[in-house]
Each structure stands twice: as C-alpha cells, then as structure tokens.
N, C-alpha and C. Protein backbone atom coordinates (compact mmCIF):
# COMPACT_ATOMS: atom_id res chain seq x y z
N MET A 1 -54.60 2.10 -8.77
CA MET A 1 -53.78 2.41 -7.67
C MET A 1 -52.93 1.26 -7.49
N ALA A 2 -53.38 0.01 -7.64
CA ALA A 2 -52.56 -1.12 -7.26
C ALA A 2 -51.66 -1.47 -8.64
N ASP A 3 -51.91 -0.98 -9.73
CA ASP A 3 -51.08 -0.90 -10.99
C ASP A 3 -49.91 -0.01 -10.66
N THR A 4 -50.17 1.14 -10.21
CA THR A 4 -49.08 2.12 -10.00
C THR A 4 -48.13 1.57 -8.88
N TRP A 5 -48.63 0.99 -7.90
CA TRP A 5 -47.70 0.30 -6.78
C TRP A 5 -46.99 -0.87 -7.37
N LYS A 6 -47.41 -1.54 -8.24
CA LYS A 6 -46.66 -2.58 -8.86
C LYS A 6 -45.73 -2.08 -9.95
N GLU A 7 -46.01 -1.01 -10.65
CA GLU A 7 -45.01 -0.48 -11.45
C GLU A 7 -43.93 0.22 -10.54
N ALA A 8 -44.35 0.96 -9.69
CA ALA A 8 -43.23 1.65 -8.74
C ALA A 8 -42.28 0.43 -8.01
N GLU A 9 -43.02 -0.71 -7.56
CA GLU A 9 -42.19 -1.83 -7.03
C GLU A 9 -41.26 -2.24 -8.08
N LYS A 10 -41.53 -2.57 -9.49
CA LYS A 10 -40.75 -3.19 -10.31
C LYS A 10 -39.72 -2.18 -10.69
N ALA A 11 -40.07 -0.87 -10.70
CA ALA A 11 -39.03 0.13 -10.94
C ALA A 11 -37.87 0.17 -9.82
N ALA A 12 -38.42 0.00 -8.55
CA ALA A 12 -37.44 0.00 -7.52
C ALA A 12 -36.60 -1.27 -7.69
N GLN A 13 -37.06 -2.34 -8.02
CA GLN A 13 -36.37 -3.54 -8.16
C GLN A 13 -35.32 -3.53 -9.08
N ARG A 14 -35.65 -2.84 -10.23
CA ARG A 14 -34.60 -2.48 -11.44
C ARG A 14 -33.63 -1.63 -10.86
N GLY A 15 -33.98 -0.48 -10.23
CA GLY A 15 -32.92 0.20 -9.66
C GLY A 15 -32.10 -0.53 -8.72
N VAL A 16 -32.58 -1.28 -7.85
CA VAL A 16 -31.66 -2.11 -6.94
C VAL A 16 -30.73 -3.10 -7.73
N ALA A 17 -31.25 -3.82 -8.80
CA ALA A 17 -30.48 -4.66 -9.58
C ALA A 17 -29.37 -3.88 -10.32
N ALA A 18 -29.78 -2.62 -10.71
CA ALA A 18 -28.67 -1.90 -11.58
C ALA A 18 -27.54 -1.57 -10.48
N ALA A 19 -28.04 -0.97 -9.21
CA ALA A 19 -27.06 -0.67 -8.20
C ALA A 19 -26.13 -1.83 -7.84
N GLN A 20 -26.74 -2.96 -7.86
CA GLN A 20 -26.00 -4.19 -7.52
C GLN A 20 -25.16 -4.41 -8.69
N ASP A 21 -25.32 -4.41 -9.87
CA ASP A 21 -24.59 -4.66 -10.95
C ASP A 21 -23.26 -3.58 -11.03
N ASP A 22 -23.62 -2.42 -10.83
CA ASP A 22 -22.68 -1.36 -10.59
C ASP A 22 -21.71 -1.66 -9.59
N ALA A 23 -22.09 -1.89 -8.32
CA ALA A 23 -21.49 -2.13 -7.11
C ALA A 23 -20.35 -3.32 -7.66
N ALA A 24 -20.92 -4.52 -8.26
CA ALA A 24 -20.32 -5.76 -8.58
C ALA A 24 -19.11 -5.31 -9.60
N ARG A 25 -19.37 -4.40 -10.52
CA ARG A 25 -18.41 -3.95 -11.38
C ARG A 25 -17.25 -3.21 -10.77
N VAL A 26 -17.68 -2.27 -9.85
CA VAL A 26 -16.61 -1.36 -9.16
C VAL A 26 -15.83 -2.25 -8.32
N ALA A 27 -16.49 -3.26 -7.60
CA ALA A 27 -15.58 -4.33 -6.88
C ALA A 27 -14.61 -5.04 -7.83
N ALA A 28 -15.07 -5.50 -9.02
CA ALA A 28 -14.20 -6.26 -9.75
C ALA A 28 -12.88 -5.53 -10.27
N ASN A 29 -13.43 -4.08 -10.57
CA ASN A 29 -12.22 -3.33 -10.93
C ASN A 29 -11.41 -2.81 -9.83
N ALA A 30 -11.77 -2.69 -8.86
CA ALA A 30 -10.88 -2.33 -7.60
C ALA A 30 -9.97 -3.48 -7.40
N THR A 31 -10.57 -4.70 -7.38
CA THR A 31 -9.76 -5.90 -7.01
C THR A 31 -8.70 -5.96 -8.21
N LYS A 32 -9.02 -5.75 -9.51
CA LYS A 32 -7.96 -5.88 -10.46
C LYS A 32 -6.76 -4.98 -10.23
N GLN A 33 -7.45 -3.50 -9.91
CA GLN A 33 -6.44 -2.54 -9.78
C GLN A 33 -5.50 -2.77 -8.66
N LEU A 34 -6.09 -3.41 -7.57
CA LEU A 34 -5.24 -3.78 -6.29
C LEU A 34 -4.20 -4.77 -6.68
N GLY A 35 -4.82 -5.69 -7.35
CA GLY A 35 -3.71 -6.74 -7.91
C GLY A 35 -2.59 -6.30 -8.76
N ASP A 36 -2.95 -5.42 -9.79
CA ASP A 36 -1.80 -4.74 -10.42
C ASP A 36 -1.06 -3.91 -9.63
N LEU A 37 -1.53 -3.09 -8.62
CA LEU A 37 -0.67 -2.40 -7.69
C LEU A 37 0.35 -3.39 -6.74
N SER A 38 -0.29 -4.36 -6.24
CA SER A 38 0.45 -5.35 -5.60
C SER A 38 1.52 -5.89 -6.40
N LYS A 39 1.40 -6.37 -7.59
CA LYS A 39 2.41 -6.87 -8.45
C LYS A 39 3.70 -5.69 -8.66
N ARG A 40 3.14 -4.38 -8.94
CA ARG A 40 4.09 -3.40 -9.19
C ARG A 40 5.14 -3.17 -7.95
N GLY A 41 4.29 -3.20 -6.64
CA GLY A 41 4.89 -3.08 -5.58
C GLY A 41 6.06 -4.28 -5.37
N GLN A 42 5.67 -5.33 -5.77
CA GLN A 42 6.63 -6.44 -5.41
C GLN A 42 7.76 -6.41 -6.34
N GLU A 43 7.52 -5.94 -7.61
CA GLU A 43 8.54 -5.73 -8.56
C GLU A 43 9.53 -4.56 -8.08
N PHE A 44 8.88 -3.61 -7.64
CA PHE A 44 9.79 -2.51 -7.01
C PHE A 44 10.58 -2.86 -5.99
N ALA A 45 10.01 -3.79 -5.10
CA ALA A 45 10.86 -4.22 -3.92
C ALA A 45 12.00 -5.14 -4.31
N ARG A 46 11.84 -6.01 -5.36
CA ARG A 46 12.70 -6.86 -5.88
C ARG A 46 13.92 -6.09 -6.40
N GLU A 47 13.57 -5.13 -7.32
CA GLU A 47 14.51 -4.17 -7.83
C GLU A 47 15.36 -3.47 -6.98
N ALA A 48 14.62 -2.96 -5.72
CA ALA A 48 15.36 -2.17 -4.93
C ALA A 48 16.28 -2.94 -4.24
N ASP A 49 15.92 -4.33 -3.81
CA ASP A 49 16.69 -5.33 -3.07
C ASP A 49 18.00 -5.60 -4.00
N GLN A 50 17.93 -5.67 -5.20
CA GLN A 50 18.83 -5.92 -6.29
C GLN A 50 19.79 -4.80 -6.27
N ARG A 51 19.34 -3.48 -6.23
CA ARG A 51 20.18 -2.46 -6.34
C ARG A 51 21.10 -2.32 -5.05
N ILE A 52 20.31 -2.54 -3.96
CA ILE A 52 21.14 -2.53 -2.73
C ILE A 52 22.21 -3.46 -2.50
N ALA A 53 21.95 -4.70 -3.10
CA ALA A 53 22.88 -5.73 -3.12
C ALA A 53 24.04 -5.41 -4.15
N GLU A 54 23.80 -4.67 -5.21
CA GLU A 54 24.90 -4.31 -6.27
C GLU A 54 25.69 -3.09 -5.71
N TYR A 55 25.01 -2.35 -4.91
CA TYR A 55 25.81 -1.20 -4.44
C TYR A 55 26.52 -1.39 -3.30
N THR A 56 26.13 -2.28 -2.40
CA THR A 56 26.87 -2.45 -1.20
C THR A 56 27.47 -3.89 -1.13
N GLY A 57 27.13 -4.80 -1.86
CA GLY A 57 27.50 -6.26 -1.66
C GLY A 57 26.96 -6.91 -0.86
N ARG A 58 25.86 -6.49 -0.21
CA ARG A 58 24.94 -7.25 0.94
C ARG A 58 23.59 -7.09 0.52
N SER A 59 22.68 -8.11 0.80
CA SER A 59 21.30 -8.02 0.66
C SER A 59 20.61 -7.06 1.62
N SER A 60 19.38 -6.60 1.31
CA SER A 60 18.67 -5.79 2.21
C SER A 60 18.42 -6.58 3.69
N ASP A 61 18.30 -7.82 3.52
CA ASP A 61 18.07 -8.71 4.72
C ASP A 61 19.12 -8.59 5.62
N ALA A 62 20.26 -8.71 5.17
CA ALA A 62 21.52 -8.60 5.95
C ALA A 62 21.70 -7.14 6.56
N TRP A 63 21.37 -6.02 5.90
CA TRP A 63 21.36 -4.77 6.45
C TRP A 63 20.34 -4.71 7.64
N ILE A 64 19.14 -5.43 7.32
CA ILE A 64 17.96 -5.20 8.41
C ILE A 64 18.40 -5.83 9.69
N LYS A 65 19.02 -7.12 9.54
CA LYS A 65 19.46 -7.81 10.71
C LYS A 65 20.66 -6.97 11.39
N GLU A 66 21.59 -6.36 10.68
CA GLU A 66 22.53 -5.71 11.30
C GLU A 66 21.93 -4.35 12.05
N GLY A 67 20.91 -3.76 11.27
CA GLY A 67 20.27 -2.64 12.10
C GLY A 67 19.53 -2.94 13.16
N SER A 68 18.74 -4.14 13.14
CA SER A 68 18.14 -4.79 14.41
C SER A 68 19.17 -4.97 15.50
N ARG A 69 20.25 -5.55 15.21
CA ARG A 69 21.24 -5.96 16.19
C ARG A 69 21.84 -4.48 16.83
N PHE A 70 21.99 -3.49 15.89
CA PHE A 70 22.61 -2.28 16.39
C PHE A 70 21.52 -1.74 17.28
N ILE A 71 20.34 -1.42 16.91
CA ILE A 71 19.29 -1.03 17.96
C ILE A 71 19.17 -1.77 19.08
N LYS A 72 19.11 -3.10 19.12
CA LYS A 72 19.35 -3.78 20.54
C LYS A 72 20.55 -3.66 21.35
N THR A 73 21.66 -3.47 20.74
CA THR A 73 22.76 -3.31 21.76
C THR A 73 22.93 -1.82 22.00
N ARG A 74 22.54 -0.93 21.27
CA ARG A 74 22.80 0.62 21.42
C ARG A 74 21.58 1.45 21.07
N PRO A 75 20.53 1.18 21.88
CA PRO A 75 19.22 1.82 21.58
C PRO A 75 19.25 3.65 21.61
N TRP A 76 20.08 3.96 22.64
CA TRP A 76 20.06 5.44 22.64
C TRP A 76 20.79 6.06 21.59
N THR A 77 21.85 5.45 21.11
CA THR A 77 22.79 5.91 19.94
C THR A 77 21.98 5.85 18.71
N ALA A 78 20.89 4.86 18.38
CA ALA A 78 20.18 4.64 17.56
C ALA A 78 19.14 6.04 17.46
N VAL A 79 18.52 5.96 18.46
CA VAL A 79 17.62 7.21 18.57
C VAL A 79 18.31 8.57 18.26
N ALA A 80 19.44 8.87 18.76
CA ALA A 80 20.16 9.94 18.40
C ALA A 80 20.55 10.05 17.05
N MET A 81 20.91 8.78 16.40
CA MET A 81 21.03 8.88 14.79
C MET A 81 19.88 9.25 14.25
N VAL A 82 18.60 8.71 14.39
CA VAL A 82 17.47 9.16 13.85
C VAL A 82 17.21 10.67 13.84
N ALA A 83 17.36 11.11 15.23
CA ALA A 83 16.98 12.45 15.45
C ALA A 83 18.09 13.37 14.60
N VAL A 84 19.18 13.06 14.51
CA VAL A 84 20.23 13.92 13.63
C VAL A 84 19.79 13.73 12.16
N ALA A 85 19.50 12.65 11.72
CA ALA A 85 18.99 12.47 10.34
C ALA A 85 17.79 13.00 10.06
N ALA A 86 16.82 13.11 10.91
CA ALA A 86 15.80 14.01 10.65
C ALA A 86 15.91 15.37 10.73
N TYR A 87 16.64 15.77 11.66
CA TYR A 87 17.13 17.23 11.53
C TYR A 87 17.86 17.57 10.39
N LEU A 88 18.73 16.85 9.78
CA LEU A 88 19.35 17.41 8.52
C LEU A 88 18.44 17.22 7.43
N VAL A 89 17.64 16.12 7.41
CA VAL A 89 16.67 16.08 6.24
C VAL A 89 15.69 17.31 6.35
N GLY A 90 15.27 17.77 7.54
CA GLY A 90 14.46 19.03 7.66
C GLY A 90 15.08 20.18 7.23
N LYS A 91 16.44 20.29 7.59
CA LYS A 91 17.19 21.55 7.09
C LYS A 91 17.55 21.60 5.55
N LEU A 92 17.83 20.47 5.02
CA LEU A 92 17.79 20.19 3.57
C LEU A 92 16.61 20.57 3.00
N ARG A 93 15.36 20.55 3.48
CA ARG A 93 14.13 20.75 2.71
C ARG A 93 13.73 22.05 2.80
N GLY A 94 14.42 22.73 3.67
CA GLY A 94 14.23 24.20 3.74
C GLY A 94 13.32 24.52 4.98
C-alpha cells in the first residue's frame, strides 16, 4: 500500500511538473506574440501618421490639438457633428 501511495505521489509530481512546463511554454509564446503584435501596431501607427502628413500637410498631433481645441470651444457643435457622422455611416452600411 505504501509503495502504491509513493508511486501515485511521484506520478502526481510528474504531472504537476509537466503542467508547469506547459504553462511556462504558453506564457513565453504569448509574450513573444504580444511583443510582435505591439511592434506591428507601432509600425502601423507610424505609417498612418506619415500618410496623414502626406495627404494633409499636417501631422496627426496637429490634427488632435485642433480637434481638442474645437471640442473645448464648441462642445455642442462637436456632439452634433459626431451624431451626423454616425447617422451617415449607419445609412451607408445599410
């Protein structure tokens, strides 16, 4: 009976060790994938900023500052503009 108990205990320890190894592998893989995704997101943001600057002649930071100033000075107009834009997008989607 004691031998059976020891064997079961060793098997449980092996199972726990295997589960820990699997968890460590999954965590390492997730960390790598998140790092890759973060790099792609940063590249996308840089490219979008460059395209905005090419098309408009102003950086996205300049547009954000102007939008912020517009919202502070005319909040109800900004709300109305967003409502109209949402309505139009809804109509276009069908």
